[in-house]
Every structure is written in structure tokens, then in C-alpha cells.
Amino acid sequence: MSAITIYHNPACGTSRNVLAMIRNSGEEPTVIEYLQAPPDRATLLRLLADAGLGVRAALREKGTPYAALGLDRPEWTDAQLLDFIERSPVLLNRPFVVTPLGTRLCRPSEVVLEILPQPQRGAFAKEDGEPVVDTDGRRV
């Protein structure tokens, strides 16, 4: 079992970039496709606490029922927002990555570099061609 876990959505470019950066460090993470295997409430709470985030900070608006549900309204409690995420996991922003060095919501994708135990093994550019790491494995 890997020491790194990514809560991944393969349809998301940011998530794919993060997964590629993990692999560029020489690690093969445990990949949890969270839309098919959503984290339970206790796991959600642990991810949020370990990442230092409140529930609202982990909500995804784009491409979700966020607006239709009125989740921007301040009267929703954290418990209620977690209920919405449990019913519709697409509301959880991604990707969350857990390593021995910490837990982060990796948006932008370069955030993952803060918590990878191993350095990058070479150059890395995002899918759109934006360079992230140079040929010496240093952040650009």
C-alpha cells in the first residue's frame, strides 16, 4: 500500500496533473476515484481537518448542483453541507492528497509539491503545457 493517497477524478485536468506530479516523484499512490467510492463522513471530516479547511472551502461550484441547491447561502451549517456532499460527491472539490507530510486540497495542482516526500525526478509540465518543474526537478 502506498504512503500517498489521492482522491481523484480522472475527468478533471487538475486532478490528472496532480496524479502525474506524484508519479513524477517516483511514487505510485493509492488512487481513490471518489465519485465511484465516496469518502464517508468521518473520512471527509479528517481530510478537512488535516488540510486545515472548513467545509465551505472544500465545496466545488463549477459543474455541480451548488447553485441550484443554493449552497452559497450562509444559513447552511457545516453538518448540512456535509450531508449535501455525501448525497452528491461531485460537490467535493478535488483532488485531495494525503502523504506522510500532510493533507492538501491541491488547487492549483502545484500545491502537491509541498507535501510530496520525494523530489520531482525531472521536468514536468501541466497538460496545457505550463511548466511546473525544470529538468533538475526544481519548481519553476
C-alpha atoms as a PDB file:
ATOM      1  CA  MET A   1       0.000   0.000   0.000  1.00  0.00           C
ATOM      2  CA  SER A   2       1.304   3.430  -0.916  1.00  0.00           C
ATOM      3  CA  ALA A   3       2.033   6.128   1.650  1.00  0.00           C
ATOM      4  CA  ILE A   4       0.266   8.575  -0.663  1.00  0.00           C
ATOM      5  CA  THR A   5      -3.450   8.675  -1.399  1.00  0.00           C
ATOM      6  CA  ILE A   6      -5.178  10.853  -3.962  1.00  0.00           C
ATOM      7  CA  TYR A   7      -8.928  11.409  -4.051  1.00  0.00           C
ATOM      8  CA  HIS A   8      -9.090  11.628  -7.809  1.00  0.00           C
ATOM      9  CA  ASN A   9     -11.474  12.439 -10.623  1.00  0.00           C
ATOM     10  CA  PRO A  10      -9.975  11.274 -13.926  1.00  0.00           C
ATOM     11  CA  ALA A  11     -12.215  13.727 -15.825  1.00  0.00           C
ATOM     12  CA  CYS A  12     -10.552  16.679 -14.051  1.00  0.00           C
ATOM     13  CA  GLY A  13      -7.405  18.188 -15.578  1.00  0.00           C
ATOM     14  CA  THR A  14      -6.147  19.484 -12.228  1.00  0.00           C
ATOM     15  CA  SER A  15      -6.578  16.039 -10.710  1.00  0.00           C
ATOM     16  CA  ARG A  16      -4.752  14.397 -13.635  1.00  0.00           C
ATOM     17  CA  ASN A  17      -1.892  16.901 -13.308  1.00  0.00           C
ATOM     18  CA  VAL A  18      -1.576  16.209  -9.582  1.00  0.00           C
ATOM     19  CA  LEU A  19      -1.527  12.460 -10.165  1.00  0.00           C
ATOM     20  CA  ALA A  20       1.167  12.915 -12.815  1.00  0.00           C
ATOM     21  CA  MET A  21       3.300  15.031 -10.435  1.00  0.00           C
ATOM     22  CA  ILE A  22       3.016  12.359  -7.744  1.00  0.00           C
ATOM     23  CA  ARG A  23       4.187   9.772 -10.259  1.00  0.00           C
ATOM     24  CA  ASN A  24       6.959  12.120 -11.441  1.00  0.00           C
ATOM     25  CA  SER A  25       8.330  11.911  -7.890  1.00  0.00           C
ATOM     26  CA  GLY A  26       8.681   8.149  -8.283  1.00  0.00           C
ATOM     27  CA  GLU A  27       5.648   7.278  -6.157  1.00  0.00           C
ATOM     28  CA  GLU A  28       2.638   5.230  -7.167  1.00  0.00           C
ATOM     29  CA  PRO A  29      -0.215   6.461  -4.997  1.00  0.00           C
ATOM     30  CA  THR A  30      -3.370   4.774  -3.887  1.00  0.00           C
ATOM     31  CA  VAL A  31      -5.939   6.269  -6.244  1.00  0.00           C
ATOM     32  CA  ILE A  32      -9.477   6.633  -4.951  1.00  0.00           C
ATOM     33  CA  GLU A  33     -11.915   7.694  -7.633  1.00  0.00           C
ATOM     34  CA  TYR A  34     -14.103   9.474  -5.128  1.00  0.00           C
ATOM     35  CA  LEU A  35     -17.138   9.761  -7.409  1.00  0.00           C
ATOM     36  CA  GLN A  36     -17.288   5.942  -7.552  1.00  0.00           C
ATOM     37  CA  ALA A  37     -16.107   5.359  -3.955  1.00  0.00           C
ATOM     38  CA  PRO A  38     -17.013   8.490  -1.974  1.00  0.00           C
ATOM     39  CA  PRO A  39     -15.322   9.011   1.374  1.00  0.00           C
ATOM     40  CA  ASP A  40     -17.582   8.509   4.369  1.00  0.00           C
ATOM     41  CA  ARG A  41     -18.358  11.384   6.718  1.00  0.00           C
ATOM     42  CA  ALA A  42     -15.568  10.527   9.184  1.00  0.00           C
ATOM     43  CA  THR A  43     -13.037  10.478   6.326  1.00  0.00           C
ATOM     44  CA  LEU A  44     -14.370  13.773   4.965  1.00  0.00           C
ATOM     45  CA  LEU A  45     -14.026  15.378   8.377  1.00  0.00           C
ATOM     46  CA  ARG A  46     -10.483  14.026   8.760  1.00  0.00           C
ATOM     47  CA  LEU A  47      -9.456  15.280   5.292  1.00  0.00           C
ATOM     48  CA  LEU A  48     -10.828  18.730   6.024  1.00  0.00           C
ATOM     49  CA  ALA A  49      -9.256  18.939   9.486  1.00  0.00           C
ATOM     50  CA  ASP A  50      -5.881  17.665   8.275  1.00  0.00           C
ATOM     51  CA  ALA A  51      -5.932  20.148   5.378  1.00  0.00           C
ATOM     52  CA  GLY A  52      -6.992  22.983   7.706  1.00  0.00           C
ATOM     53  CA  LEU A  53     -10.134  23.671   5.695  1.00  0.00           C
ATOM     54  CA  GLY A  54     -13.699  24.392   6.574  1.00  0.00           C
ATOM     55  CA  VAL A  55     -16.475  22.604   4.736  1.00  0.00           C
ATOM     56  CA  ARG A  56     -17.300  25.638   2.570  1.00  0.00           C
ATOM     57  CA  ALA A  57     -13.689  25.866   1.372  1.00  0.00           C
ATOM     58  CA  ALA A  58     -13.938  22.324   0.040  1.00  0.00           C
ATOM     59  CA  LEU A  59     -17.145  22.825  -1.947  1.00  0.00           C
ATOM     60  CA  ARG A  60     -16.932  22.758  -5.706  1.00  0.00           C
ATOM     61  CA  GLU A  61     -19.199  25.134  -7.598  1.00  0.00           C
ATOM     62  CA  LYS A  62     -18.346  24.560 -11.266  1.00  0.00           C
ATOM     63  CA  GLY A  63     -20.152  21.656 -12.915  1.00  0.00           C
ATOM     64  CA  THR A  64     -22.111  20.773  -9.782  1.00  0.00           C
ATOM     65  CA  PRO A  65     -25.588  21.388  -8.336  1.00  0.00           C
ATOM     66  CA  TYR A  66     -24.063  24.024  -5.983  1.00  0.00           C
ATOM     67  CA  ALA A  67     -26.018  26.985  -7.392  1.00  0.00           C
ATOM     68  CA  ALA A  68     -29.254  25.046  -7.881  1.00  0.00           C
ATOM     69  CA  LEU A  69     -29.118  23.949  -4.239  1.00  0.00           C
ATOM     70  CA  GLY A  70     -28.368  27.464  -3.040  1.00  0.00           C
ATOM     71  CA  LEU A  71     -25.267  26.320  -1.184  1.00  0.00           C
ATOM     72  CA  ASP A  72     -23.872  29.851  -1.211  1.00  0.00           C
ATOM     73  CA  ARG A  73     -26.487  30.839   1.377  1.00  0.00           C
ATOM     74  CA  PRO A  74     -24.888  31.382   4.795  1.00  0.00           C
ATOM     75  CA  GLU A  75     -27.616  29.600   6.742  1.00  0.00           C
ATOM     76  CA  TRP A  76     -26.341  26.149   5.723  1.00  0.00           C
ATOM     77  CA  THR A  77     -24.444  24.583   8.626  1.00  0.00           C
ATOM     78  CA  ASP A  78     -21.311  22.524   8.154  1.00  0.00           C
ATOM     79  CA  ALA A  79     -23.304  19.413   9.034  1.00  0.00           C
ATOM     80  CA  GLN A  80     -25.873  20.223   6.357  1.00  0.00           C
ATOM     81  CA  LEU A  81     -23.161  20.936   3.779  1.00  0.00           C
ATOM     82  CA  LEU A  82     -21.563  17.574   4.591  1.00  0.00           C
ATOM     83  CA  ASP A  83     -24.968  15.954   4.038  1.00  0.00           C
ATOM     84  CA  PHE A  84     -25.067  17.520   0.559  1.00  0.00           C
ATOM     85  CA  ILE A  85     -21.534  16.276  -0.218  1.00  0.00           C
ATOM     86  CA  GLU A  86     -22.448  12.770   0.937  1.00  0.00           C
ATOM     87  CA  ARG A  87     -25.529  12.766  -1.318  1.00  0.00           C
ATOM     88  CA  SER A  88     -23.683  14.347  -4.249  1.00  0.00           C
ATOM     89  CA  PRO A  89     -19.899  13.695  -4.036  1.00  0.00           C
ATOM     90  CA  VAL A  90     -19.302  15.897  -7.100  1.00  0.00           C
ATOM     91  CA  LEU A  91     -19.734  18.817  -4.657  1.00  0.00           C
ATOM     92  CA  LEU A  92     -16.385  17.916  -3.062  1.00  0.00           C
ATOM     93  CA  ASN A  93     -13.549  19.824  -4.664  1.00  0.00           C
ATOM     94  CA  ARG A  94     -10.580  17.814  -5.845  1.00  0.00           C
ATOM     95  CA  PRO A  95      -8.071  16.456  -5.659  1.00  0.00           C
ATOM     96  CA  PHE A  96      -7.317  15.878  -2.009  1.00  0.00           C
ATOM     97  CA  VAL A  97      -3.908  14.289  -1.477  1.00  0.00           C
ATOM     98  CA  VAL A  98      -2.718  12.648   1.736  1.00  0.00           C
ATOM     99  CA  THR A  99       1.002  11.978   2.292  1.00  0.00           C
ATOM    100  CA  PRO A 100       3.190  11.458   5.364  1.00  0.00           C
ATOM    101  CA  LEU A 101       3.957  15.202   5.120  1.00  0.00           C
ATOM    102  CA  GLY A 102       0.350  16.375   5.216  1.00  0.00           C
ATOM    103  CA  THR A 103      -3.017  16.644   3.524  1.00  0.00           C
ATOM    104  CA  ARG A 104      -3.901  19.266   0.938  1.00  0.00           C
ATOM    105  CA  LEU A 105      -6.652  20.206  -1.446  1.00  0.00           C
ATOM    106  CA  CYS A 106      -4.327  20.521  -4.435  1.00  0.00           C
ATOM    107  CA  ARG A 107      -5.746  23.518  -6.245  1.00  0.00           C
ATOM    108  CA  PRO A 108      -3.746  24.712  -8.019  1.00  0.00           C
ATOM    109  CA  SER A 109      -2.059  21.422  -8.845  1.00  0.00           C
ATOM    110  CA  GLU A 110       1.409  22.653  -7.790  1.00  0.00           C
ATOM    111  CA  VAL A 111       0.255  22.587  -4.159  1.00  0.00           C
ATOM    112  CA  VAL A 112       1.011  18.861  -4.164  1.00  0.00           C
ATOM    113  CA  LEU A 113       4.742  19.657  -4.350  1.00  0.00           C
ATOM    114  CA  GLU A 114       4.536  20.972  -0.760  1.00  0.00           C
ATOM    115  CA  ILE A 115       3.685  17.536   0.635  1.00  0.00           C
ATOM    116  CA  LEU A 116       5.481  15.028  -1.599  1.00  0.00           C
ATOM    117  CA  PRO A 117       8.107  13.095   0.356  1.00  0.00           C
ATOM    118  CA  GLN A 118      10.337  12.650  -2.710  1.00  0.00           C
ATOM    119  CA  PRO A 119      11.511  15.380  -5.091  1.00  0.00           C
ATOM    120  CA  GLN A 120      10.467  15.512  -8.712  1.00  0.00           C
ATOM    121  CA  ARG A 121      12.629  13.283 -10.896  1.00  0.00           C
ATOM    122  CA  GLY A 122      12.749  15.625 -13.848  1.00  0.00           C
ATOM    123  CA  ALA A 123      10.874  18.204 -15.831  1.00  0.00           C
ATOM    124  CA  PHE A 124       7.117  18.373 -15.582  1.00  0.00           C
ATOM    125  CA  ALA A 125       4.586  20.464 -17.483  1.00  0.00           C
ATOM    126  CA  LYS A 126       0.840  20.516 -16.997  1.00  0.00           C
ATOM    127  CA  GLU A 127      -1.433  19.134 -19.692  1.00  0.00           C
ATOM    128  CA  ASP A 128      -1.781  22.649 -21.097  1.00  0.00           C
ATOM    129  CA  GLY A 129       1.998  22.931 -21.472  1.00  0.00           C
ATOM    130  CA  GLU A 130       2.595  25.234 -18.488  1.00  0.00           C
ATOM    131  CA  PRO A 131       5.965  24.279 -16.974  1.00  0.00           C
ATOM    132  CA  VAL A 132       5.931  23.400 -13.272  1.00  0.00           C
ATOM    133  CA  VAL A 133       9.281  21.697 -12.692  1.00  0.00           C
ATOM    134  CA  ASP A 134      12.558  22.157 -14.587  1.00  0.00           C
ATOM    135  CA  THR A 135      14.887  19.392 -15.813  1.00  0.00           C
ATOM    136  CA  ASP A 136      16.668  19.401 -12.432  1.00  0.00           C
ATOM    137  CA  GLY A 137      13.399  18.728 -10.626  1.00  0.00           C
ATOM    138  CA  ARG A 138      13.109  22.253  -9.226  1.00  0.00           C
ATOM    139  CA  ARG A 139       9.856  24.206  -9.181  1.00  0.00           C
ATOM    140  CA  VAL A 140       9.732  26.802 -11.957  1.00  0.00           C
END
